[in-house]
Structures are given as C-alpha cells and as structure tokens.
Amino acid sequence: MEHHIKSEKHEITVADLRIATGEHSSFGIKLPMIKSLMNQIHENPDKKNIFGYLIEISAFRGIFGIMRELLDSNPTFFAYSSQRL
C-alpha cells in the first residue's frame, strides 16, 4: 500500500474510519487526516512516514515476542541463547 501511494497519485475514496479496540472502546481516524497523510506520502516519497514506522514497530514486537516465548518454553533454546549471547 505504501509503495502504491508513493508511486501513483489518485483520488482514493476514504471515509471516517472507526477502529474497535474492545467491546466498548474504539478510536477514529477522520477523513481529512487520512487524505493529508496520503498526500504527504505521495509528495515526499523519500521521507519516512507512518507506514514505515508501524512496520518496523510490528516487526520488532514480533521478533521479541517469539524470542520471549521460546526462552520461556524451550530449555534447549534458552541454553543455546545463553551460550551465544
């Protein structure tokens, strides 16, 4: 999606977006904010943007989560990691 926004400028039909975070909670992203972010990404493809940061954060969380799970549940992996690190 990021590459698509950077490489082609087109009017994308978007609406206010409400994202549920629980049974009784949510947060919203308003239409003007979405359009503004998409325009900034298209006009400055060489600059870091929110998609890049979210991808990096998600990747690190995934790696650290897997490492923690393996360290807690696999004695062989724990011993190997302790020896190597």
Protein backbone atom coordinates (compact mmCIF):
# COMPACT_ATOMS: atom_id res chain seq x y z
CA MET A 1 0.00 0.00 0.00
CA GLU A 2 2.82 2.41 0.88
CA HIS A 3 4.54 1.83 -2.48
CA HIS A 4 1.23 2.31 -4.29
CA ILE A 5 0.58 5.65 -2.56
CA LYS A 6 4.13 6.85 -3.23
CA SER A 7 4.11 5.96 -6.91
CA GLU A 8 0.66 6.97 -8.07
CA LYS A 9 -1.46 9.97 -7.18
CA HIS A 10 -5.14 9.31 -7.43
CA GLU A 11 -8.24 10.20 -5.58
CA ILE A 12 -8.91 7.42 -3.14
CA THR A 13 -12.37 7.23 -1.73
CA VAL A 14 -11.98 7.14 2.02
CA ALA A 15 -14.33 7.83 4.85
CA ASP A 16 -14.06 8.41 8.55
CA LEU A 17 -12.67 5.22 9.96
CA ARG A 18 -13.62 3.85 13.37
CA ILE A 19 -11.48 1.02 14.68
CA ALA A 20 -12.80 -1.07 17.54
CA THR A 21 -10.27 -1.75 20.29
CA GLY A 22 -12.64 -3.60 22.59
CA GLU A 23 -16.28 -4.31 23.22
CA HIS A 24 -16.95 -0.76 24.41
CA SER A 25 -13.93 1.14 23.12
CA SER A 26 -12.65 2.39 19.79
CA PHE A 27 -10.69 5.16 18.16
CA GLY A 28 -11.33 7.06 14.98
CA ILE A 29 -9.37 8.43 12.08
CA LYS A 30 -11.02 11.32 10.32
CA LEU A 31 -11.23 11.73 6.53
CA PRO A 32 -9.14 14.96 6.39
CA MET A 33 -6.33 13.30 8.35
CA ILE A 34 -6.27 10.28 6.02
CA LYS A 35 -6.17 12.45 2.89
CA SER A 36 -3.47 14.67 4.38
CA LEU A 37 -1.25 11.70 5.27
CA MET A 38 -1.70 10.14 1.83
CA ASN A 39 -0.84 13.42 0.11
CA GLN A 40 2.27 13.85 2.27
CA ILE A 41 3.42 10.33 1.44
CA HIS A 42 2.89 10.89 -2.29
CA GLU A 43 4.57 14.30 -2.34
CA ASN A 44 7.59 13.14 -0.27
CA PRO A 45 8.27 9.51 -1.24
CA ASP A 46 11.86 9.68 0.01
CA LYS A 47 10.87 10.64 3.57
CA LYS A 48 9.95 8.23 6.35
CA ASN A 49 6.23 8.02 7.01
CA ILE A 50 3.80 6.44 9.44
CA PHE A 51 3.58 3.17 7.47
CA GLY A 52 7.33 2.64 7.73
CA TYR A 53 7.33 3.23 11.48
CA LEU A 54 4.37 0.92 12.04
CA ILE A 55 6.02 -1.84 10.02
CA GLU A 56 9.27 -1.52 12.00
CA ILE A 57 7.46 -1.49 15.35
CA SER A 58 5.39 -4.51 14.36
CA ALA A 59 8.47 -6.42 13.19
CA PHE A 60 10.37 -5.77 16.42
CA ARG A 61 7.36 -6.71 18.55
CA GLY A 62 7.04 -9.96 16.62
CA ILE A 63 10.71 -10.85 16.97
CA PHE A 64 10.83 -10.02 20.68
CA GLY A 65 7.56 -11.85 21.32
CA ILE A 66 8.80 -15.03 19.66
CA MET A 67 12.13 -14.81 21.48
CA ARG A 68 10.38 -14.39 24.85
CA GLU A 69 8.04 -17.30 24.13
CA LEU A 70 10.92 -19.57 23.08
CA LEU A 71 13.04 -18.60 26.08
CA ASP A 72 10.15 -19.35 28.45
CA SER A 73 9.02 -22.62 26.90
CA ASN A 74 12.09 -24.24 25.37
CA PRO A 75 15.01 -25.09 27.68
CA THR A 76 17.23 -26.08 24.73
CA PHE A 77 16.70 -22.69 23.07
CA PHE A 78 17.30 -20.95 26.41
CA ALA A 79 20.60 -22.78 26.86
CA TYR A 80 21.64 -22.06 23.26
CA SER A 81 20.75 -18.36 23.57
CA SER A 82 22.52 -18.05 26.91
CA GLN A 83 25.65 -19.60 25.43
CA ARG A 84 25.62 -17.50 22.23
CA LEU A 85 24.63 -14.19 23.78
